[in-house]
N, C-alpha and C. Protein backbone atom coordinates (compact mmCIF):
# COMPACT_ATOMS: atom_id res chain seq x y z
N MET A 1 -16.19 -3.91 77.95
CA MET A 1 -16.14 -5.29 77.52
C MET A 1 -15.65 -6.15 78.69
N PHE A 2 -16.17 -5.95 79.70
CA PHE A 2 -15.70 -6.67 80.95
C PHE A 2 -15.91 -8.17 80.69
N GLY A 3 -14.93 -9.06 81.10
CA GLY A 3 -14.99 -10.44 81.09
C GLY A 3 -14.59 -10.97 79.67
N TYR A 4 -14.16 -10.15 78.74
CA TYR A 4 -13.67 -10.74 77.46
C TYR A 4 -12.12 -10.22 77.27
N GLU A 5 -11.52 -11.16 76.64
CA GLU A 5 -10.02 -10.85 76.55
C GLU A 5 -9.72 -11.14 74.94
N LEU A 6 -8.92 -10.27 74.25
CA LEU A 6 -8.61 -10.33 72.81
C LEU A 6 -7.25 -11.22 72.83
N VAL A 7 -7.34 -12.34 72.10
CA VAL A 7 -6.22 -13.27 72.14
C VAL A 7 -6.03 -13.77 70.73
N PRO A 8 -4.87 -13.81 70.05
CA PRO A 8 -4.74 -14.59 68.83
C PRO A 8 -5.05 -15.98 68.99
N ALA A 9 -5.69 -16.56 67.93
CA ALA A 9 -6.24 -17.91 67.95
C ALA A 9 -5.15 -18.79 67.96
N SER A 10 -5.33 -20.05 68.53
CA SER A 10 -4.50 -21.21 68.31
C SER A 10 -5.06 -22.31 67.46
N ILE A 11 -4.31 -23.06 66.94
CA ILE A 11 -4.57 -24.20 66.17
C ILE A 11 -5.87 -24.95 66.65
N ARG A 12 -5.75 -25.18 67.98
CA ARG A 12 -7.02 -25.86 68.55
C ARG A 12 -8.35 -25.08 68.53
N ASP A 13 -8.27 -23.72 68.22
CA ASP A 13 -9.54 -22.86 67.99
C ASP A 13 -10.03 -23.08 66.69
N ALA A 14 -9.35 -23.71 65.74
CA ALA A 14 -9.85 -23.77 64.25
C ALA A 14 -11.23 -24.31 64.11
N ALA A 15 -11.37 -25.44 64.81
CA ALA A 15 -12.88 -26.13 64.67
C ALA A 15 -13.93 -25.26 65.19
N SER A 16 -13.71 -24.63 66.27
CA SER A 16 -14.81 -23.77 66.77
C SER A 16 -15.08 -22.39 65.92
N ILE A 17 -13.98 -21.87 65.37
CA ILE A 17 -14.18 -20.80 64.50
C ILE A 17 -14.85 -21.18 63.28
N SER A 18 -14.37 -22.28 62.67
CA SER A 18 -15.13 -22.83 61.55
C SER A 18 -16.54 -22.94 61.74
N LEU A 19 -16.90 -23.58 62.86
CA LEU A 19 -18.41 -23.86 63.18
C LEU A 19 -19.14 -22.52 63.35
N MET A 20 -18.47 -21.52 63.94
CA MET A 20 -18.99 -20.33 64.11
C MET A 20 -19.30 -19.47 62.69
N SER A 21 -18.33 -19.77 61.82
CA SER A 21 -18.42 -19.21 60.46
C SER A 21 -19.62 -19.88 59.91
N ARG A 22 -19.73 -21.10 59.86
CA ARG A 22 -20.89 -21.78 59.12
C ARG A 22 -22.18 -21.30 59.79
N GLN A 23 -22.26 -21.22 61.09
CA GLN A 23 -23.60 -20.84 61.62
C GLN A 23 -24.00 -19.36 61.48
N LEU A 24 -22.90 -18.40 61.58
CA LEU A 24 -23.19 -17.01 61.60
C LEU A 24 -22.79 -16.24 60.45
N ILE A 25 -21.96 -16.64 59.55
CA ILE A 25 -21.65 -15.98 58.31
C ILE A 25 -21.94 -16.74 57.04
N GLU A 26 -21.70 -18.05 56.99
CA GLU A 26 -21.98 -18.71 55.74
C GLU A 26 -23.28 -19.42 55.60
N ARG A 27 -24.24 -19.00 56.62
CA ARG A 27 -25.53 -19.55 56.57
C ARG A 27 -26.12 -19.60 55.22
N GLY A 28 -26.70 -20.76 54.79
CA GLY A 28 -27.33 -20.83 53.46
C GLY A 28 -26.33 -20.93 52.26
N LEU A 29 -25.05 -21.10 52.47
CA LEU A 29 -23.94 -21.17 51.53
C LEU A 29 -23.33 -22.43 51.76
N THR A 30 -22.67 -22.97 50.81
CA THR A 30 -21.64 -23.98 50.97
C THR A 30 -20.45 -23.51 51.73
N PRO A 31 -20.18 -24.18 52.84
CA PRO A 31 -19.27 -23.72 53.91
C PRO A 31 -17.83 -23.81 53.10
N SER A 32 -17.09 -22.65 53.11
CA SER A 32 -15.77 -22.51 52.54
C SER A 32 -14.70 -22.33 53.62
N TRP A 33 -15.15 -22.18 54.84
CA TRP A 33 -14.12 -21.84 55.92
C TRP A 33 -14.05 -23.13 56.91
N ALA A 34 -13.36 -24.18 56.33
CA ALA A 34 -13.17 -25.47 57.01
C ALA A 34 -12.11 -25.14 58.20
N PRO A 35 -12.01 -26.10 59.17
CA PRO A 35 -10.88 -25.98 60.13
C PRO A 35 -9.54 -25.94 59.55
N GLN A 36 -9.35 -26.57 58.46
CA GLN A 36 -7.92 -26.56 57.82
C GLN A 36 -7.69 -25.20 57.26
N ARG A 37 -8.72 -24.57 56.67
CA ARG A 37 -8.50 -23.13 56.13
C ARG A 37 -8.20 -22.16 57.21
N ILE A 38 -8.82 -22.40 58.33
CA ILE A 38 -8.82 -21.40 59.47
C ILE A 38 -7.32 -21.63 60.00
N ALA A 39 -6.89 -22.89 60.20
CA ALA A 39 -5.58 -23.35 60.72
C ALA A 39 -4.50 -22.65 59.88
N ALA A 40 -4.73 -22.71 58.62
CA ALA A 40 -3.80 -22.19 57.54
C ALA A 40 -3.48 -20.75 57.83
N HIS A 41 -4.71 -20.04 58.02
CA HIS A 41 -4.58 -18.62 58.41
C HIS A 41 -3.91 -18.21 59.75
N ILE A 42 -4.05 -19.16 60.64
CA ILE A 42 -3.51 -19.12 61.89
C ILE A 42 -1.97 -19.34 61.94
N ARG A 43 -1.50 -20.21 61.12
CA ARG A 43 -0.03 -20.38 60.85
C ARG A 43 0.51 -19.30 59.93
N HIS A 44 -0.29 -18.86 59.05
CA HIS A 44 0.29 -17.87 58.02
C HIS A 44 0.73 -16.46 58.65
N ARG A 45 2.00 -16.15 58.31
CA ARG A 45 2.67 -14.97 59.09
C ARG A 45 1.97 -13.61 58.65
N GLU A 46 1.25 -13.60 57.44
CA GLU A 46 0.60 -12.35 57.04
C GLU A 46 -0.78 -12.46 57.22
N SER A 47 -1.36 -13.10 58.22
CA SER A 47 -2.85 -13.28 58.49
C SER A 47 -2.78 -13.25 60.08
N VAL A 48 -3.92 -12.64 60.57
CA VAL A 48 -4.15 -12.57 62.02
C VAL A 48 -5.58 -13.14 62.12
N VAL A 49 -5.68 -14.21 63.08
CA VAL A 49 -6.97 -14.70 63.48
C VAL A 49 -7.04 -14.34 64.96
N LEU A 50 -7.83 -13.50 65.21
CA LEU A 50 -8.02 -12.85 66.67
C LEU A 50 -9.36 -13.42 67.17
N THR A 51 -9.27 -13.80 68.49
CA THR A 51 -10.46 -14.09 69.21
C THR A 51 -10.86 -13.27 70.30
N ALA A 52 -12.16 -13.15 70.61
CA ALA A 52 -12.63 -12.49 71.86
C ALA A 52 -12.97 -13.64 72.74
N ARG A 53 -12.44 -13.88 73.86
CA ARG A 53 -12.62 -14.99 74.72
C ARG A 53 -13.46 -14.57 75.91
N ALA A 54 -14.59 -15.29 76.16
CA ALA A 54 -15.32 -15.21 77.51
C ALA A 54 -14.79 -16.41 78.29
N PRO A 55 -15.16 -16.43 79.46
CA PRO A 55 -14.43 -17.38 80.24
C PRO A 55 -14.54 -18.86 79.80
N GLN A 56 -15.53 -19.17 79.20
CA GLN A 56 -15.76 -20.64 78.81
C GLN A 56 -15.87 -20.84 77.32
N GLU A 57 -15.71 -19.71 76.46
CA GLU A 57 -15.88 -20.12 75.06
C GLU A 57 -15.22 -18.91 74.24
N ILE A 58 -15.34 -19.05 72.85
CA ILE A 58 -14.96 -17.88 71.93
C ILE A 58 -16.24 -17.19 71.86
N ALA A 59 -16.18 -15.97 72.22
CA ALA A 59 -17.47 -15.11 71.91
C ALA A 59 -17.37 -14.56 70.54
N GLY A 60 -16.41 -14.25 70.13
CA GLY A 60 -16.20 -13.67 68.70
C GLY A 60 -14.93 -13.89 68.15
N PHE A 61 -14.74 -13.59 66.73
CA PHE A 61 -13.40 -13.79 66.13
C PHE A 61 -13.46 -12.87 64.85
N ALA A 62 -12.25 -12.67 64.38
CA ALA A 62 -12.00 -11.89 63.12
C ALA A 62 -10.59 -12.54 62.40
N ILE A 63 -10.72 -12.62 61.17
CA ILE A 63 -9.57 -12.99 60.42
C ILE A 63 -9.26 -11.90 59.36
N MET A 64 -8.01 -11.52 59.48
CA MET A 64 -7.59 -10.38 58.48
C MET A 64 -6.15 -10.90 57.93
N GLN A 65 -6.11 -10.61 56.64
CA GLN A 65 -4.87 -10.91 55.82
C GLN A 65 -4.35 -9.71 55.47
N PHE A 66 -3.00 -9.55 55.59
CA PHE A 66 -2.23 -8.33 55.27
C PHE A 66 -1.41 -8.41 53.94
N GLY A 67 -1.51 -7.35 53.22
CA GLY A 67 -0.58 -7.34 52.16
C GLY A 67 0.57 -6.19 52.37
N ASP A 68 1.09 -5.76 51.20
CA ASP A 68 2.23 -4.77 51.40
C ASP A 68 1.71 -3.40 51.97
N ASP A 69 0.54 -2.84 51.48
CA ASP A 69 0.06 -1.63 51.87
C ASP A 69 -1.42 -1.64 52.15
N SER A 70 -1.95 -2.91 52.14
CA SER A 70 -3.48 -2.95 52.42
C SER A 70 -3.65 -4.26 53.19
N ALA A 71 -4.89 -4.25 53.73
CA ALA A 71 -5.24 -5.48 54.36
C ALA A 71 -6.78 -5.80 54.03
N HIS A 72 -7.00 -7.05 54.18
CA HIS A 72 -8.45 -7.50 53.84
C HIS A 72 -9.07 -8.24 55.01
N LEU A 73 -10.24 -7.85 55.48
CA LEU A 73 -10.84 -8.56 56.53
C LEU A 73 -11.74 -9.71 55.98
N ASN A 74 -11.24 -10.86 56.17
CA ASN A 74 -12.08 -11.99 55.62
C ASN A 74 -13.29 -12.45 56.30
N LEU A 75 -13.20 -12.42 57.51
CA LEU A 75 -14.46 -12.89 58.47
C LEU A 75 -14.47 -12.04 59.73
N LEU A 76 -15.66 -11.73 60.19
CA LEU A 76 -15.81 -11.18 61.48
C LEU A 76 -17.17 -11.63 62.06
N ALA A 77 -17.11 -12.26 63.24
CA ALA A 77 -18.51 -12.76 63.90
C ALA A 77 -18.54 -12.68 65.45
N VAL A 78 -19.59 -12.40 65.94
CA VAL A 78 -19.76 -12.52 67.31
C VAL A 78 -21.10 -13.27 67.62
N ALA A 79 -20.90 -14.19 68.48
CA ALA A 79 -21.91 -15.09 68.88
C ALA A 79 -23.22 -14.26 69.39
N PRO A 80 -24.49 -14.63 68.97
CA PRO A 80 -25.59 -13.82 69.19
C PRO A 80 -25.64 -13.39 70.79
N TRP A 81 -25.48 -14.41 71.60
CA TRP A 81 -25.63 -14.22 73.03
C TRP A 81 -24.54 -13.16 73.67
N HIS A 82 -23.58 -12.80 72.85
CA HIS A 82 -22.42 -11.86 73.37
C HIS A 82 -22.57 -10.58 72.44
N ARG A 83 -23.48 -10.57 71.67
CA ARG A 83 -23.58 -9.08 70.92
C ARG A 83 -23.94 -7.91 71.74
N ARG A 84 -23.81 -6.79 71.23
CA ARG A 84 -24.16 -5.51 71.85
C ARG A 84 -23.23 -5.27 73.09
N ARG A 85 -22.02 -5.79 73.07
CA ARG A 85 -21.27 -5.55 74.12
C ARG A 85 -19.87 -4.92 73.77
N GLY A 86 -19.90 -4.49 72.45
CA GLY A 86 -18.66 -3.79 71.98
C GLY A 86 -17.49 -4.84 71.51
N ILE A 87 -17.81 -6.07 71.40
CA ILE A 87 -16.76 -7.05 71.04
C ILE A 87 -16.32 -6.79 69.47
N ALA A 88 -17.24 -6.70 68.61
CA ALA A 88 -16.93 -6.59 67.30
C ALA A 88 -16.12 -5.19 67.08
N ARG A 89 -16.58 -4.08 67.77
CA ARG A 89 -15.79 -2.95 67.62
C ARG A 89 -14.35 -3.03 68.13
N ARG A 90 -14.26 -3.76 69.33
CA ARG A 90 -12.91 -3.98 69.94
C ARG A 90 -12.05 -4.75 69.01
N LEU A 91 -12.67 -5.87 68.43
CA LEU A 91 -11.81 -6.63 67.45
C LEU A 91 -11.38 -5.79 66.29
N MET A 92 -12.20 -4.86 65.80
CA MET A 92 -11.82 -4.05 64.55
C MET A 92 -10.71 -3.17 65.09
N VAL A 93 -10.88 -2.53 66.22
CA VAL A 93 -9.96 -1.52 66.64
C VAL A 93 -8.62 -2.17 66.68
N TRP A 94 -8.52 -3.39 67.28
CA TRP A 94 -7.25 -4.08 67.51
C TRP A 94 -6.64 -4.44 66.12
N LEU A 95 -7.44 -4.87 65.12
CA LEU A 95 -7.07 -5.07 63.79
C LEU A 95 -6.63 -3.79 63.00
N GLU A 96 -7.23 -2.81 63.16
CA GLU A 96 -6.92 -1.52 62.42
C GLU A 96 -5.64 -1.04 63.09
N GLU A 97 -5.43 -1.05 64.42
CA GLU A 97 -4.07 -0.47 64.95
C GLU A 97 -3.06 -1.46 64.53
N THR A 98 -3.24 -2.73 64.33
CA THR A 98 -2.25 -3.78 63.97
C THR A 98 -1.93 -3.47 62.39
N ALA A 99 -2.95 -3.17 61.53
CA ALA A 99 -2.71 -2.62 60.17
C ALA A 99 -1.82 -1.47 60.11
N LEU A 100 -2.24 -0.57 60.86
CA LEU A 100 -1.35 0.85 60.96
C LEU A 100 0.13 0.45 61.35
N THR A 101 0.44 -0.38 62.33
CA THR A 101 1.66 -0.78 62.73
C THR A 101 2.44 -1.41 61.56
N ALA A 102 1.70 -2.23 60.82
CA ALA A 102 2.36 -3.08 59.83
C ALA A 102 2.39 -2.26 58.41
N GLY A 103 1.89 -0.92 58.50
CA GLY A 103 2.09 -0.06 57.31
C GLY A 103 0.99 -0.52 56.27
N SER A 104 -0.06 -1.13 56.65
CA SER A 104 -1.15 -1.48 55.73
C SER A 104 -2.27 -0.43 56.08
N PHE A 105 -2.59 0.57 55.28
CA PHE A 105 -3.35 1.54 55.63
C PHE A 105 -4.80 1.52 55.14
N ASP A 106 -4.95 0.72 53.86
CA ASP A 106 -6.20 0.61 53.41
C ASP A 106 -6.72 -0.77 53.85
N ILE A 107 -7.98 -0.87 54.46
CA ILE A 107 -8.61 -2.11 54.80
C ILE A 107 -9.92 -2.25 53.87
N THR A 108 -10.15 -3.40 53.26
CA THR A 108 -11.29 -3.74 52.55
C THR A 108 -11.91 -4.86 53.17
N LEU A 109 -13.30 -5.09 52.86
CA LEU A 109 -13.98 -6.26 53.31
C LEU A 109 -15.16 -6.33 52.32
N GLU A 110 -15.76 -7.47 52.48
CA GLU A 110 -17.15 -7.78 51.68
C GLU A 110 -18.12 -8.30 52.69
N LEU A 111 -19.31 -7.88 52.57
CA LEU A 111 -20.49 -8.46 53.36
C LEU A 111 -21.56 -8.66 52.46
N ARG A 112 -22.58 -9.50 53.06
CA ARG A 112 -23.82 -9.73 52.21
C ARG A 112 -24.55 -8.45 52.13
N ALA A 113 -25.12 -8.20 50.85
CA ALA A 113 -25.87 -7.13 50.66
C ALA A 113 -27.14 -6.99 51.48
N THR A 114 -27.65 -7.94 51.93
CA THR A 114 -28.89 -8.10 52.91
C THR A 114 -28.46 -8.02 54.25
N ASN A 115 -27.25 -7.89 54.73
CA ASN A 115 -26.85 -7.80 56.05
C ASN A 115 -26.79 -6.30 56.50
N ILE A 116 -27.96 -5.72 56.79
CA ILE A 116 -28.19 -4.36 57.16
C ILE A 116 -27.39 -4.00 58.41
N ALA A 117 -27.51 -4.90 59.39
CA ALA A 117 -26.77 -4.60 60.63
C ALA A 117 -25.13 -4.42 60.45
N ALA A 118 -24.63 -5.33 59.69
CA ALA A 118 -23.20 -5.28 59.33
C ALA A 118 -22.89 -4.09 58.66
N HIS A 119 -23.69 -3.72 57.66
CA HIS A 119 -23.49 -2.52 56.86
C HIS A 119 -23.43 -1.25 57.78
N ALA A 120 -24.45 -1.19 58.59
CA ALA A 120 -24.43 0.02 59.62
C ALA A 120 -23.26 0.02 60.50
N PHE A 121 -22.87 -1.23 60.93
CA PHE A 121 -21.69 -1.25 61.91
C PHE A 121 -20.49 -0.80 61.20
N TYR A 122 -20.17 -1.20 59.90
CA TYR A 122 -18.95 -0.79 59.22
C TYR A 122 -19.08 0.53 58.82
N THR A 123 -20.22 1.03 58.53
CA THR A 123 -20.37 2.58 58.20
C THR A 123 -20.15 3.35 59.41
N ALA A 124 -20.55 2.98 60.62
CA ALA A 124 -20.29 3.72 61.81
C ALA A 124 -18.94 3.69 62.15
N LEU A 125 -18.13 2.80 61.68
CA LEU A 125 -16.58 2.74 61.88
C LEU A 125 -15.90 3.54 60.81
N GLY A 126 -16.54 4.18 59.94
CA GLY A 126 -15.88 4.90 58.81
C GLY A 126 -15.59 4.26 57.57
N TYR A 127 -16.33 2.94 57.32
CA TYR A 127 -15.96 2.34 56.16
C TYR A 127 -16.97 2.89 55.03
N GLU A 128 -16.52 2.89 53.85
CA GLU A 128 -17.29 3.48 52.71
C GLU A 128 -17.61 2.42 51.68
N GLU A 129 -18.82 2.40 51.22
CA GLU A 129 -19.16 1.35 50.05
C GLU A 129 -18.24 1.75 48.81
N ILE A 130 -17.66 0.67 48.39
CA ILE A 130 -16.89 0.82 47.12
C ILE A 130 -17.59 0.25 45.94
N ALA A 131 -18.18 -0.87 46.18
CA ALA A 131 -18.84 -1.44 44.91
C ALA A 131 -19.91 -2.49 45.54
N ARG A 132 -20.93 -2.79 44.59
CA ARG A 132 -21.74 -4.00 44.76
C ARG A 132 -21.30 -4.91 43.80
N ILE A 133 -21.19 -6.28 44.20
CA ILE A 133 -20.72 -7.26 43.32
C ILE A 133 -22.03 -8.23 43.20
N ALA A 134 -22.50 -8.32 41.97
CA ALA A 134 -23.71 -9.24 41.79
C ALA A 134 -23.16 -10.63 41.81
N GLY A 135 -23.92 -11.53 42.55
CA GLY A 135 -23.81 -12.88 42.64
C GLY A 135 -22.41 -13.36 43.38
N TYR A 136 -21.92 -12.46 44.22
CA TYR A 136 -20.57 -12.67 44.68
C TYR A 136 -20.64 -14.05 45.57
N TYR A 137 -21.67 -14.21 46.28
CA TYR A 137 -21.83 -15.37 47.25
C TYR A 137 -22.59 -16.56 46.36
N GLU A 138 -21.80 -17.29 45.73
CA GLU A 138 -22.29 -18.44 44.98
C GLU A 138 -23.32 -18.07 44.11
N ARG A 139 -23.40 -16.97 43.58
CA ARG A 139 -24.44 -16.55 42.59
C ARG A 139 -25.85 -16.50 43.26
N ILE A 140 -25.77 -16.60 44.64
CA ILE A 140 -26.99 -16.59 45.33
C ILE A 140 -27.37 -15.16 45.90
N GLU A 141 -26.34 -14.45 46.22
CA GLU A 141 -26.43 -13.25 46.92
C GLU A 141 -25.41 -12.22 46.44
N ASP A 142 -25.66 -10.99 46.41
CA ASP A 142 -24.80 -9.96 46.07
C ASP A 142 -23.97 -9.55 47.24
N ALA A 143 -22.79 -8.99 47.11
CA ALA A 143 -21.93 -8.43 48.06
C ALA A 143 -21.84 -6.87 47.98
N ILE A 144 -21.53 -6.42 49.24
CA ILE A 144 -21.11 -4.97 49.13
C ILE A 144 -19.54 -5.00 49.57
N ARG A 145 -18.81 -4.33 48.72
CA ARG A 145 -17.24 -4.08 49.18
C ARG A 145 -17.25 -2.86 49.88
N MET A 146 -16.63 -2.84 51.02
CA MET A 146 -16.29 -1.58 51.74
C MET A 146 -14.85 -1.38 52.05
N GLY A 147 -14.48 -0.16 52.17
CA GLY A 147 -13.12 0.02 52.45
C GLY A 147 -12.95 1.36 53.44
N ARG A 148 -11.72 1.40 53.99
CA ARG A 148 -11.36 2.46 54.77
C ARG A 148 -9.96 2.56 55.01
N ASP A 149 -9.41 3.85 54.80
CA ASP A 149 -7.93 4.26 55.17
C ASP A 149 -7.88 4.56 56.61
N VAL A 150 -7.19 3.78 57.37
CA VAL A 150 -7.13 3.84 58.88
C VAL A 150 -6.13 4.83 59.37
N ARG A 151 -5.47 5.51 58.48
CA ARG A 151 -4.51 6.61 58.96
C ARG A 151 -5.44 7.72 59.55
N PRO A 152 -5.05 8.35 60.64
CA PRO A 152 -5.81 9.50 61.26
C PRO A 152 -6.02 10.57 60.24
N GLY A 153 -7.24 11.12 60.05
CA GLY A 153 -7.36 12.16 59.18
C GLY A 153 -7.44 11.93 57.75
N ARG A 154 -7.57 10.73 57.37
CA ARG A 154 -7.55 10.19 55.98
C ARG A 154 -9.05 9.57 55.65
N ILE A 155 -9.40 9.65 54.39
CA ILE A 155 -10.60 9.04 54.12
C ILE A 155 -10.24 7.95 52.78
N PHE A 156 -11.01 6.96 52.72
CA PHE A 156 -10.66 6.00 51.51
C PHE A 156 -11.39 6.52 50.25
N SER A 157 -10.54 6.51 49.22
CA SER A 157 -11.16 6.75 47.98
C SER A 157 -11.27 5.58 47.10
N ARG A 158 -12.35 5.65 46.17
CA ARG A 158 -12.53 4.50 45.32
C ARG A 158 -11.37 4.03 44.62
N GLY A 159 -10.36 4.84 44.34
CA GLY A 159 -9.21 4.46 43.62
C GLY A 159 -8.15 3.79 44.50
N GLY A 160 -8.45 3.75 45.84
CA GLY A 160 -7.44 3.08 46.71
C GLY A 160 -6.47 4.08 47.30
N LYS A 161 -6.45 5.29 46.74
CA LYS A 161 -5.57 6.29 47.17
C LYS A 161 -6.30 7.19 48.27
N ALA A 162 -5.53 7.46 49.40
CA ALA A 162 -6.12 8.14 50.45
C ALA A 162 -6.05 9.70 50.08
N CYS A 163 -7.12 10.36 50.72
CA CYS A 163 -7.18 11.87 50.53
C CYS A 163 -7.37 12.39 51.84
N ALA A 164 -6.83 13.60 52.08
CA ALA A 164 -6.88 14.37 53.25
C ALA A 164 -8.46 14.59 53.58
N SER A 165 -8.88 14.44 54.81
CA SER A 165 -10.29 14.82 55.24
C SER A 165 -10.43 16.21 55.71
């Protein structure tokens, strides 16, 4: 990942992240990640907004919210011209390590059921499909909920309890 640095987002990044979300994630939907919502996550002590920075721009970002023993990946995106360079994987590794440190072992996320590339990416990272949710995205598109227990040697079970692998 030469030339990229992982850095927590600052408030001044909120507008750029919001624009990336509209263009790369929320395409075809009513935008729900306005700069104010992004800024609230940046300020919230139980959220992490992480950016992958190229010399002149934000190449990718992720937003994760932490609970007592679980975490939820709200958004992850990499600009098309920066893809296939390990940025998304590096963002996820950083977030998973942070979750382990925080004692949040189970990570969940949702993705569009039609996003085959994202499904393959998360599956390659060890995430398992937990459920399909009809009409999750504005009753326009279904979602796939995925999860993973990030502790070494553990697998995520549908009941949210980890089992030895």
